Amino acid sequence: MATNRTRTLVFVGADDHLVDAAPIAERLAEEGVDHEVVIYPDTPHGYFCDEWDTWRPAPAADTWAKVTALFEV
């Protein structure tokens, strides 16, 4: 059982060649971690970096909105 009760967010593109969200989500669930896994369709690894050709503005904006909302009180 997890001892850290901090909410965990995982963001990944469906076309990410480095990160497989399924085992991450499975393990977080097994450990009872409060989490959300967001998988963006047609989105590669590196979608958040606007200096790379893999940048995807819509998923990046959605990720940023979700992260900043986490810190709103």
N, C-alpha and C. Protein backbone atom coordinates (compact mmCIF):
# COMPACT_ATOMS: atom_id res chain seq x y z
N MET A 1 0.83 -1.18 0.00
CA MET A 1 0.00 0.00 0.00
C MET A 1 0.88 1.25 0.00
N ALA A 2 0.47 2.24 -0.75
CA ALA A 2 1.22 3.49 -0.85
C ALA A 2 1.14 4.27 0.45
N THR A 3 2.23 4.88 0.81
CA THR A 3 2.25 5.72 2.00
C THR A 3 2.15 7.19 1.63
N ASN A 4 2.45 7.52 0.39
CA ASN A 4 2.36 8.89 -0.08
C ASN A 4 1.01 9.09 -0.74
N ARG A 5 0.22 9.99 -0.23
CA ARG A 5 -1.13 10.21 -0.75
C ARG A 5 -1.21 11.41 -1.70
N THR A 6 -0.11 11.81 -2.24
CA THR A 6 -0.09 12.91 -3.19
C THR A 6 -0.72 12.46 -4.51
N ARG A 7 -1.60 13.27 -5.04
CA ARG A 7 -2.24 12.95 -6.33
C ARG A 7 -1.16 12.94 -7.41
N THR A 8 -1.25 11.94 -8.27
CA THR A 8 -0.26 11.77 -9.33
C THR A 8 -0.94 11.90 -10.68
N LEU A 9 -0.37 12.73 -11.54
CA LEU A 9 -0.85 12.88 -12.91
C LEU A 9 0.19 12.31 -13.86
N VAL A 10 -0.28 11.57 -14.86
CA VAL A 10 0.60 11.01 -15.88
C VAL A 10 0.05 11.45 -17.23
N PHE A 11 0.89 12.05 -18.03
CA PHE A 11 0.50 12.51 -19.36
C PHE A 11 1.39 11.82 -20.38
N VAL A 12 0.79 11.25 -21.39
CA VAL A 12 1.58 10.55 -22.40
C VAL A 12 0.82 10.58 -23.73
N GLY A 13 1.59 10.65 -24.79
CA GLY A 13 0.99 10.56 -26.11
C GLY A 13 0.78 9.11 -26.50
N ALA A 14 -0.30 8.84 -27.20
CA ALA A 14 -0.60 7.47 -27.63
C ALA A 14 0.50 6.93 -28.54
N ASP A 15 1.19 7.82 -29.24
CA ASP A 15 2.26 7.39 -30.16
C ASP A 15 3.65 7.52 -29.53
N ASP A 16 3.71 7.65 -28.22
CA ASP A 16 5.00 7.77 -27.54
C ASP A 16 5.76 6.45 -27.68
N HIS A 17 6.97 6.53 -28.19
CA HIS A 17 7.78 5.32 -28.41
C HIS A 17 8.61 4.94 -27.19
N LEU A 18 8.59 5.76 -26.14
CA LEU A 18 9.39 5.50 -24.95
C LEU A 18 8.57 5.15 -23.71
N VAL A 19 7.35 5.63 -23.64
CA VAL A 19 6.55 5.46 -22.42
C VAL A 19 5.29 4.66 -22.72
N ASP A 20 5.09 3.60 -21.95
CA ASP A 20 3.87 2.80 -22.04
C ASP A 20 3.07 3.10 -20.77
N ALA A 21 1.95 3.77 -20.93
CA ALA A 21 1.16 4.21 -19.78
C ALA A 21 0.46 3.05 -19.06
N ALA A 22 0.19 1.97 -19.74
CA ALA A 22 -0.58 0.87 -19.14
C ALA A 22 0.06 0.31 -17.87
N PRO A 23 1.35 -0.06 -17.89
CA PRO A 23 1.92 -0.59 -16.65
C PRO A 23 2.04 0.46 -15.54
N ILE A 24 2.18 1.71 -15.93
CA ILE A 24 2.23 2.78 -14.93
C ILE A 24 0.88 2.88 -14.23
N ALA A 25 -0.18 2.93 -15.03
CA ALA A 25 -1.53 3.02 -14.47
C ALA A 25 -1.86 1.80 -13.60
N GLU A 26 -1.46 0.64 -14.07
CA GLU A 26 -1.71 -0.59 -13.32
C GLU A 26 -1.03 -0.55 -11.95
N ARG A 27 0.22 -0.15 -11.94
CA ARG A 27 0.96 -0.13 -10.68
C ARG A 27 0.41 0.93 -9.72
N LEU A 28 0.06 2.10 -10.25
CA LEU A 28 -0.52 3.13 -9.40
C LEU A 28 -1.83 2.64 -8.77
N ALA A 29 -2.64 1.96 -9.57
CA ALA A 29 -3.90 1.41 -9.05
C ALA A 29 -3.64 0.35 -7.99
N GLU A 30 -2.69 -0.54 -8.26
CA GLU A 30 -2.34 -1.59 -7.30
C GLU A 30 -1.92 -1.01 -5.96
N GLU A 31 -1.20 0.10 -6.01
CA GLU A 31 -0.67 0.73 -4.80
C GLU A 31 -1.67 1.68 -4.14
N GLY A 32 -2.82 1.84 -4.76
CA GLY A 32 -3.84 2.71 -4.17
C GLY A 32 -3.53 4.19 -4.28
N VAL A 33 -2.73 4.56 -5.26
CA VAL A 33 -2.35 5.97 -5.44
C VAL A 33 -3.48 6.70 -6.17
N ASP A 34 -3.85 7.86 -5.64
CA ASP A 34 -4.82 8.72 -6.30
C ASP A 34 -4.16 9.26 -7.56
N HIS A 35 -4.65 8.85 -8.71
CA HIS A 35 -3.97 9.21 -9.95
C HIS A 35 -4.94 9.40 -11.11
N GLU A 36 -4.41 10.04 -12.14
CA GLU A 36 -5.10 10.18 -13.41
C GLU A 36 -4.06 9.97 -14.50
N VAL A 37 -4.38 9.12 -15.45
CA VAL A 37 -3.51 8.89 -16.59
C VAL A 37 -4.23 9.45 -17.82
N VAL A 38 -3.60 10.40 -18.49
CA VAL A 38 -4.18 11.03 -19.66
C VAL A 38 -3.34 10.61 -20.87
N ILE A 39 -4.00 9.99 -21.83
CA ILE A 39 -3.31 9.55 -23.06
C ILE A 39 -3.91 10.34 -24.22
N TYR A 40 -3.05 11.10 -24.89
CA TYR A 40 -3.49 11.93 -26.01
C TYR A 40 -3.35 11.16 -27.32
N PRO A 41 -4.45 11.00 -28.07
CA PRO A 41 -4.39 10.28 -29.35
C PRO A 41 -3.51 11.02 -30.37
N ASP A 42 -2.89 10.25 -31.23
CA ASP A 42 -2.08 10.81 -32.32
C ASP A 42 -1.03 11.80 -31.80
N THR A 43 -0.44 11.48 -30.67
CA THR A 43 0.52 12.39 -30.04
C THR A 43 1.81 11.64 -29.72
N PRO A 44 2.96 12.17 -30.18
CA PRO A 44 4.23 11.50 -29.96
C PRO A 44 4.91 11.94 -28.65
N HIS A 45 5.99 11.27 -28.35
CA HIS A 45 6.86 11.67 -27.24
C HIS A 45 7.38 13.08 -27.53
N GLY A 46 7.48 13.90 -26.52
CA GLY A 46 8.01 15.26 -26.70
C GLY A 46 6.96 16.27 -27.12
N TYR A 47 5.68 15.92 -27.00
CA TYR A 47 4.62 16.81 -27.46
C TYR A 47 4.56 18.14 -26.71
N PHE A 48 5.13 18.20 -25.52
CA PHE A 48 5.01 19.41 -24.69
C PHE A 48 6.07 20.46 -25.00
N CYS A 49 7.13 20.09 -25.69
CA CYS A 49 8.24 21.02 -25.96
C CYS A 49 8.02 21.76 -27.27
N ASP A 50 7.80 23.06 -27.17
CA ASP A 50 7.51 23.85 -28.37
C ASP A 50 8.74 24.12 -29.23
N GLU A 51 9.88 23.61 -28.84
CA GLU A 51 11.09 23.75 -29.66
C GLU A 51 11.36 22.52 -30.51
N TRP A 52 10.54 21.50 -30.37
CA TRP A 52 10.73 20.26 -31.12
C TRP A 52 9.65 20.12 -32.19
N ASP A 53 9.96 19.36 -33.21
CA ASP A 53 8.96 19.14 -34.26
C ASP A 53 7.83 18.21 -33.79
N THR A 54 7.97 17.62 -32.63
CA THR A 54 6.93 16.76 -32.07
C THR A 54 5.92 17.53 -31.23
N TRP A 55 6.11 18.84 -31.09
CA TRP A 55 5.22 19.67 -30.30
C TRP A 55 3.80 19.59 -30.85
N ARG A 56 2.86 19.42 -29.94
CA ARG A 56 1.44 19.41 -30.29
C ARG A 56 0.75 20.42 -29.38
N PRO A 57 0.35 21.57 -29.93
CA PRO A 57 -0.19 22.66 -29.11
C PRO A 57 -1.43 22.29 -28.28
N ALA A 58 -2.37 21.57 -28.85
CA ALA A 58 -3.60 21.25 -28.11
C ALA A 58 -3.34 20.33 -26.91
N PRO A 59 -2.64 19.20 -27.09
CA PRO A 59 -2.34 18.38 -25.92
C PRO A 59 -1.45 19.10 -24.89
N ALA A 60 -0.52 19.91 -25.38
CA ALA A 60 0.34 20.65 -24.45
C ALA A 60 -0.48 21.62 -23.62
N ALA A 61 -1.40 22.32 -24.25
CA ALA A 61 -2.25 23.27 -23.52
C ALA A 61 -3.14 22.55 -22.51
N ASP A 62 -3.67 21.40 -22.90
CA ASP A 62 -4.51 20.63 -21.99
C ASP A 62 -3.70 20.13 -20.79
N THR A 63 -2.49 19.65 -21.05
CA THR A 63 -1.61 19.20 -19.97
C THR A 63 -1.34 20.35 -19.00
N TRP A 64 -0.99 21.50 -19.54
CA TRP A 64 -0.68 22.66 -18.69
C TRP A 64 -1.90 23.05 -17.85
N ALA A 65 -3.07 23.04 -18.44
CA ALA A 65 -4.29 23.39 -17.70
C ALA A 65 -4.54 22.41 -16.56
N LYS A 66 -4.34 21.13 -16.81
CA LYS A 66 -4.56 20.12 -15.78
C LYS A 66 -3.52 20.24 -14.65
N VAL A 67 -2.28 20.50 -15.00
CA VAL A 67 -1.23 20.63 -13.98
C VAL A 67 -1.48 21.87 -13.12
N THR A 68 -1.77 22.98 -13.74
CA THR A 68 -1.99 24.20 -12.96
C THR A 68 -3.26 24.10 -12.11
N ALA A 69 -4.28 23.39 -12.60
CA ALA A 69 -5.51 23.21 -11.82
C ALA A 69 -5.24 22.40 -10.56
N LEU A 70 -4.28 21.51 -10.64
CA LEU A 70 -3.93 20.69 -9.47
C LEU A 70 -3.48 21.56 -8.30
N PHE A 71 -2.86 22.70 -8.61
CA PHE A 71 -2.33 23.56 -7.56
C PHE A 71 -3.28 24.67 -7.13
N GLU A 72 -4.43 24.75 -7.78
CA GLU A 72 -5.41 25.77 -7.38
C GLU A 72 -6.09 25.33 -6.10
N VAL A 73 -6.31 26.29 -5.25
CA VAL A 73 -6.95 25.97 -3.96
C VAL A 73 -8.37 26.51 -3.95
